[in-house]
Amino acid sequence: MYSHDIIKNRILVVGANGLLGQRLIAFYTAKENVELLGCSIEDQPTFSNVPYVRCDMAVREDVKKVVFSFYPDVIINAAAFTNVDLSETERETAWKINVKGVEYLAEACRTIDAKIIHISTDYIFNGLNGPYDENAKADPLGYYGRTKLASENALKIGAVIYSVIRTNVLYGIANSRPDFVRWVINSLSENKQIRVVHDQINNPTFVEDLVCAINKIIELNKYGLYNIGGKNFLNRYEFALLIAGYFNLDKNLIKPIITEELKQPAKRPLKSGLITIKAETELGYKPHSITEALSIIKMQLAL
């Protein structure tokens, strides 16, 4: 090998069409030392500048084919069945994607000695006494949380090189279904009244912060479990008010309610959020404040 050759890190982004997946693709496209492949369940990608293949996480042969043909150094699993309420009734689908899919990825990783970085959630907790650190006892309230906890355990026993990132209330801009921020902006811009819960407390995670944390885990070759969340702990209603204030929208259109009023099939952890001291210490993680994140979003939306 000549000295001027660049040794490229081969990164496979699973769930590349989602919010996190798209931001990972954008981030790594700008890096010379990375060779990228995106895959998702959809036939077509939401991006045009990176190779893409369709892959159904619930099908073992699909997963093996993608991994063995690309031979990645790192797999970032940003794919999941994330519909919390639908998970209560579509249990088989949720389990196949969130648990079996991770088992298939781990199996393929083991064969080629690749590392997997897997995204998990604060929904593995009951929300009675958050925020939570990495050592807190898991006790999921709903089936979605149970599948995500099972996916973490699949990696623990999978004899595979892995990192698990737990995150919560991910927000940011991508060509996918609107996140909480865009939902608030769009609704208030159209003078629609919205109902927002004031009894769910989290530290919402700006997607660009999560991308940087994932990159640090790769760069520093870190393993194990990390919490990644935002700088501010607040309830969802307060978050909506901050968004409205920043974008000069009518706060009076936002009506505070309690979670019970929504009569959702799945219970939500109420007092939640994630303590990020470990990531700050070991990864140099420095999350944006919500106001700082909103200023970046404003530029991205060109508002």
Protein backbone atom coordinates (compact mmCIF):
# COMPACT_ATOMS: atom_id res chain seq x y z
CA MET A 1 0.00 0.00 0.00
CA TYR A 2 1.34 3.43 -0.94
CA SER A 3 1.67 6.08 1.78
CA HIS A 4 -0.80 8.40 0.07
CA ASP A 5 -3.60 5.80 0.07
CA ILE A 6 -6.48 6.56 2.41
CA ILE A 7 -7.58 3.62 4.56
CA LYS A 8 -11.36 3.85 4.50
CA ASN A 9 -13.67 2.88 7.31
CA ARG A 10 -16.59 0.96 5.81
CA ILE A 11 -19.81 1.99 7.56
CA LEU A 12 -23.21 0.41 6.97
CA VAL A 13 -26.14 2.58 8.10
CA VAL A 14 -29.22 0.43 8.72
CA GLY A 15 -32.44 2.43 8.73
CA ALA A 16 -30.80 5.03 6.48
CA ASN A 17 -34.13 6.62 5.45
CA GLY A 18 -35.11 7.64 8.98
CA LEU A 19 -34.25 10.88 10.78
CA LEU A 20 -31.04 9.58 12.37
CA GLY A 21 -30.11 7.52 9.31
CA GLN A 22 -30.34 10.52 6.98
CA ARG A 23 -28.26 12.72 9.27
CA LEU A 24 -25.61 9.97 9.56
CA ILE A 25 -25.47 9.69 5.77
CA ALA A 26 -25.06 13.48 5.45
CA PHE A 27 -22.36 13.55 8.16
CA TYR A 28 -20.25 10.72 6.74
CA THR A 29 -20.64 11.80 3.12
CA ALA A 30 -18.47 14.79 4.03
CA LYS A 31 -15.67 12.56 5.35
CA GLU A 32 -12.98 11.29 2.96
CA ASN A 33 -11.97 8.27 5.04
CA VAL A 34 -15.41 6.63 5.06
CA GLU A 35 -17.02 4.31 2.54
CA LEU A 36 -20.77 4.31 3.09
CA LEU A 37 -23.71 2.07 2.34
CA GLY A 38 -27.27 2.85 3.39
CA CYS A 39 -30.07 0.33 3.71
CA SER A 40 -33.73 0.53 4.75
CA ILE A 41 -37.03 -1.26 4.20
CA GLU A 42 -38.15 1.20 1.50
CA ASP A 43 -37.46 0.54 -2.19
CA GLN A 44 -35.87 3.97 -2.72
CA PRO A 45 -33.52 6.10 -0.58
CA THR A 46 -34.32 9.63 0.59
CA PHE A 47 -30.79 10.65 -0.49
CA SER A 48 -29.01 10.44 -3.83
CA ASN A 49 -25.27 10.63 -3.20
CA VAL A 50 -24.59 7.31 -1.44
CA PRO A 51 -25.07 3.66 -2.51
CA TYR A 52 -28.31 2.18 -1.18
CA VAL A 53 -29.88 -1.28 -0.96
CA ARG A 54 -33.27 -2.38 0.26
CA CYS A 55 -33.15 -4.61 3.33
CA ASP A 56 -35.89 -6.06 5.51
CA MET A 57 -34.46 -6.41 9.03
CA ALA A 58 -37.00 -9.14 9.81
CA VAL A 59 -35.57 -11.40 7.08
CA ARG A 60 -32.34 -13.15 8.05
CA GLU A 61 -31.20 -13.76 4.46
CA ASP A 62 -31.71 -10.06 3.61
CA VAL A 63 -29.51 -9.00 6.52
CA LYS A 64 -26.79 -11.55 5.74
CA LYS A 65 -26.74 -10.63 2.05
CA VAL A 66 -26.28 -6.90 2.74
CA VAL A 67 -23.62 -7.37 5.43
CA PHE A 68 -21.59 -10.02 3.62
CA SER A 69 -21.62 -8.19 0.28
CA PHE A 70 -20.46 -4.87 1.79
CA TYR A 71 -18.23 -6.29 4.56
CA PRO A 72 -18.46 -3.24 6.88
CA ASP A 73 -16.10 -2.39 9.73
CA VAL A 74 -18.99 -0.78 11.60
CA ILE A 75 -22.76 -1.24 11.41
CA ILE A 76 -24.90 1.56 12.84
CA ASN A 77 -28.38 0.21 13.51
CA ALA A 78 -30.79 3.14 13.34
CA ALA A 79 -33.69 0.93 12.22
CA ALA A 80 -36.59 0.03 14.50
CA PHE A 81 -40.31 -0.47 14.72
CA THR A 82 -40.87 2.73 16.72
CA ASN A 83 -44.66 3.06 16.77
CA VAL A 84 -45.18 2.69 20.52
CA ASP A 85 -48.96 2.21 20.36
CA LEU A 86 -48.97 -0.08 17.33
CA SER A 87 -46.37 -2.26 19.07
CA GLU A 88 -49.11 -3.31 21.52
CA THR A 89 -51.14 -4.96 18.75
CA GLU A 90 -48.51 -5.62 16.05
CA ARG A 91 -46.34 -7.55 18.50
CA GLU A 92 -44.96 -10.07 16.05
CA THR A 93 -43.80 -7.35 13.65
CA ALA A 94 -42.27 -5.27 16.46
CA TRP A 95 -40.38 -8.31 17.80
CA LYS A 96 -39.16 -9.40 14.36
CA ILE A 97 -37.69 -5.98 13.55
CA ASN A 98 -36.52 -4.82 16.98
CA VAL A 99 -35.19 -8.10 18.35
CA LYS A 100 -34.76 -10.73 15.62
CA GLY A 101 -33.31 -8.10 13.26
CA VAL A 102 -30.68 -7.21 15.85
CA GLU A 103 -29.90 -10.90 16.36
CA TYR A 104 -29.39 -11.29 12.60
CA LEU A 105 -27.08 -8.25 12.51
CA ALA A 106 -25.10 -9.59 15.48
CA GLU A 107 -24.78 -12.98 13.80
CA ALA A 108 -23.41 -11.38 10.63
CA CYS A 109 -21.10 -9.07 12.62
CA ARG A 110 -19.66 -12.04 14.48
CA THR A 111 -18.75 -13.74 11.21
CA ILE A 112 -16.83 -10.78 9.78
CA ASP A 113 -15.63 -9.30 13.10
CA ALA A 114 -17.51 -6.03 12.57
CA LYS A 115 -18.66 -3.73 15.36
CA ILE A 116 -22.33 -2.84 15.83
CA ILE A 117 -23.61 0.44 17.29
CA HIS A 118 -27.25 -0.02 18.26
CA ILE A 119 -29.78 2.66 19.16
CA SER A 120 -32.02 2.02 22.17
CA THR A 121 -34.43 4.14 24.20
CA ASP A 122 -35.50 5.46 27.61
CA TYR A 123 -38.73 3.48 27.07
CA ILE A 124 -36.96 0.54 28.74
CA PHE A 125 -37.69 2.39 32.03
CA ASN A 126 -41.00 2.85 33.88
CA GLY A 127 -40.64 6.62 34.27
CA LEU A 128 -41.32 6.68 38.00
CA ASN A 129 -38.00 8.10 39.17
CA GLY A 130 -35.99 9.42 36.22
CA PRO A 131 -33.72 10.74 34.91
CA TYR A 132 -31.75 7.52 34.56
CA ASP A 133 -28.06 6.66 34.33
CA GLU A 134 -26.59 3.64 32.55
CA ASN A 135 -26.84 1.45 35.67
CA ALA A 136 -30.52 2.10 36.40
CA LYS A 137 -32.80 -0.94 36.56
CA ALA A 138 -34.90 -1.48 33.44
CA ASP A 139 -38.65 -1.95 33.82
CA PRO A 140 -40.48 -1.26 30.53
CA LEU A 141 -44.16 -0.30 30.68
CA GLY A 142 -45.12 -1.39 27.16
CA TYR A 143 -44.29 -3.91 24.48
CA TYR A 144 -42.12 -1.46 22.49
CA GLY A 145 -39.90 -0.96 25.55
CA ARG A 146 -39.74 -4.71 26.08
CA THR A 147 -38.54 -5.28 22.52
CA LYS A 148 -35.84 -2.60 22.86
CA LEU A 149 -34.63 -4.08 26.16
CA ALA A 150 -34.57 -7.51 24.53
CA SER A 151 -32.50 -6.07 21.65
CA GLU A 152 -29.90 -4.80 24.14
CA ASN A 153 -29.79 -8.23 25.78
CA ALA A 154 -29.41 -9.91 22.37
CA LEU A 155 -26.17 -7.97 21.89
CA LYS A 156 -24.96 -8.69 25.44
CA ILE A 157 -25.18 -12.43 24.86
CA GLY A 158 -24.34 -12.30 21.15
CA ALA A 159 -20.54 -12.60 21.44
CA VAL A 160 -20.24 -9.49 19.28
CA ILE A 161 -18.31 -6.21 19.51
CA TYR A 162 -20.99 -3.63 20.29
CA SER A 163 -22.04 -0.30 21.74
CA VAL A 164 -25.59 0.53 22.78
CA ILE A 165 -26.78 4.13 22.81
CA ARG A 166 -29.93 4.95 24.73
CA THR A 167 -31.59 8.16 23.63
CA ASN A 168 -34.94 9.95 24.02
CA VAL A 169 -37.29 12.33 22.12
CA LEU A 170 -35.07 12.63 19.04
CA TYR A 171 -35.61 15.81 17.04
CA GLY A 172 -34.06 17.43 13.96
CA ILE A 173 -34.65 17.96 10.27
CA ALA A 174 -34.68 15.28 7.57
CA ASN A 175 -36.76 14.21 4.55
CA SER A 176 -38.96 11.98 6.65
CA ARG A 177 -42.10 12.28 8.73
CA PRO A 178 -41.98 15.48 10.82
CA ASP A 179 -40.34 15.32 14.23
CA PHE A 180 -41.87 17.07 17.26
CA VAL A 181 -40.29 20.43 16.37
CA ARG A 182 -41.58 20.45 12.80
CA TRP A 183 -45.00 19.22 13.93
CA VAL A 184 -45.28 22.17 16.33
CA ILE A 185 -44.01 24.66 13.72
CA ASN A 186 -46.29 23.32 10.95
CA SER A 187 -49.38 23.15 13.15
CA LEU A 188 -48.99 26.64 14.65
CA SER A 189 -48.07 28.14 11.26
CA GLU A 190 -51.45 26.90 10.01
CA ASN A 191 -53.20 28.32 13.13
CA LYS A 192 -54.09 24.83 14.29
CA GLN A 193 -54.62 24.27 18.00
CA ILE A 194 -52.44 21.47 19.40
CA ARG A 195 -52.68 19.51 22.63
CA VAL A 196 -49.36 18.77 24.29
CA VAL A 197 -48.76 16.77 27.47
CA HIS A 198 -47.22 18.52 30.47
CA ASP A 199 -46.59 15.40 32.56
CA GLN A 200 -43.89 13.73 30.40
CA ILE A 201 -40.41 14.93 31.35
CA ASN A 202 -37.34 14.18 29.21
CA ASN A 203 -34.16 15.77 27.91
CA PRO A 204 -34.92 15.83 24.14
CA THR A 205 -31.99 14.78 21.95
CA PHE A 206 -30.91 16.91 18.99
CA VAL A 207 -30.12 14.49 16.16
CA GLU A 208 -26.83 16.26 15.28
CA ASP A 209 -25.63 15.65 18.87
CA LEU A 210 -26.48 11.96 18.56
CA VAL A 211 -24.58 11.74 15.25
CA CYS A 212 -21.49 13.31 16.86
CA ALA A 213 -21.70 10.87 19.78
CA ILE A 214 -21.88 7.90 17.41
CA ASN A 215 -18.87 9.24 15.52
CA LYS A 216 -16.91 9.63 18.78
CA ILE A 217 -17.68 6.01 19.72
CA ILE A 218 -16.23 4.94 16.37
CA GLU A 219 -13.22 7.29 16.51
CA LEU A 220 -12.30 6.43 20.10
CA ASN A 221 -13.13 2.73 19.66
CA LYS A 222 -15.48 2.68 22.66
CA TYR A 223 -17.71 -0.20 23.70
CA GLY A 224 -20.63 -0.80 26.01
CA LEU A 225 -23.56 1.38 27.01
CA TYR A 226 -23.93 5.16 26.71
CA ASN A 227 -26.81 7.53 27.42
CA ILE A 228 -27.15 10.33 24.89
CA GLY A 229 -29.65 13.10 25.59
CA GLY A 230 -30.03 16.86 25.49
CA LYS A 231 -28.83 19.56 27.85
CA ASN A 232 -32.33 20.62 29.01
CA PHE A 233 -34.77 18.57 31.12
CA LEU A 234 -38.34 19.76 30.59
CA ASN A 235 -41.85 18.54 29.91
CA ARG A 236 -43.26 18.27 26.40
CA TYR A 237 -45.55 21.31 26.84
CA GLU A 238 -42.57 23.47 27.89
CA PHE A 239 -40.68 22.18 24.85
CA ALA A 240 -43.57 23.21 22.58
CA LEU A 241 -43.67 26.68 24.18
CA LEU A 242 -39.92 27.10 23.57
CA ILE A 243 -40.38 26.18 19.89
CA ALA A 244 -43.31 28.57 19.50
CA GLY A 245 -41.37 31.38 21.18
CA TYR A 246 -38.28 30.86 19.05
CA PHE A 247 -40.22 30.85 15.78
CA ASN A 248 -42.57 33.70 16.81
CA LEU A 249 -45.68 31.53 16.67
CA ASP A 250 -48.86 31.79 18.76
CA LYS A 251 -48.31 30.04 22.11
CA ASN A 252 -52.02 30.34 22.90
CA LEU A 253 -52.69 27.61 20.33
CA ILE A 254 -50.82 25.12 22.56
CA LYS A 255 -53.13 23.51 25.14
CA PRO A 256 -51.57 21.62 28.06
CA ILE A 257 -53.08 18.20 28.82
CA ILE A 258 -52.08 15.13 30.81
CA THR A 259 -51.00 11.91 29.11
CA GLU A 260 -54.08 10.04 30.35
CA GLU A 261 -56.34 12.32 28.29
CA LEU A 262 -54.81 10.97 25.05
CA LYS A 263 -56.10 7.46 25.88
CA GLN A 264 -53.15 5.85 24.07
CA PRO A 265 -52.95 2.04 23.92
CA ALA A 266 -49.42 2.01 25.37
CA LYS A 267 -48.37 3.53 28.70
CA ARG A 268 -45.61 6.16 28.57
CA PRO A 269 -42.81 6.66 31.09
CA LEU A 270 -43.61 10.07 32.59
CA LYS A 271 -40.63 11.17 34.71
CA SER A 272 -37.85 10.05 32.42
CA GLY A 273 -34.79 11.46 30.65
CA LEU A 274 -31.20 10.25 30.51
CA ILE A 275 -28.15 11.30 32.52
CA THR A 276 -25.23 11.77 30.12
CA ILE A 277 -22.25 12.19 32.50
CA LYS A 278 -20.57 9.00 31.24
CA ALA A 279 -20.73 10.18 27.61
CA GLU A 280 -19.52 13.66 28.58
CA THR A 281 -16.55 12.16 30.44
CA GLU A 282 -15.57 9.35 28.06
CA LEU A 283 -16.63 10.74 24.68
CA GLY A 284 -16.28 14.48 25.29
CA TYR A 285 -20.01 14.71 24.54
CA LYS A 286 -21.27 18.31 24.57
CA PRO A 287 -24.97 18.58 23.71
CA HIS A 288 -26.53 21.75 22.35
CA SER A 289 -29.11 23.57 24.42
CA ILE A 290 -32.60 23.49 22.90
CA THR A 291 -32.27 27.15 21.90
CA GLU A 292 -28.95 26.47 20.14
CA ALA A 293 -30.49 23.47 18.36
CA LEU A 294 -33.50 25.53 17.27
CA SER A 295 -31.18 28.14 15.74
CA ILE A 296 -29.53 25.38 13.65
CA ILE A 297 -32.95 24.03 12.66
CA LYS A 298 -34.02 27.54 11.66
CA MET A 299 -31.05 27.77 9.30
CA GLN A 300 -31.73 24.28 7.90
CA LEU A 301 -35.36 25.21 7.24
CA ALA A 302 -34.31 28.67 6.01
CA LEU A 303 -37.08 30.26 8.05
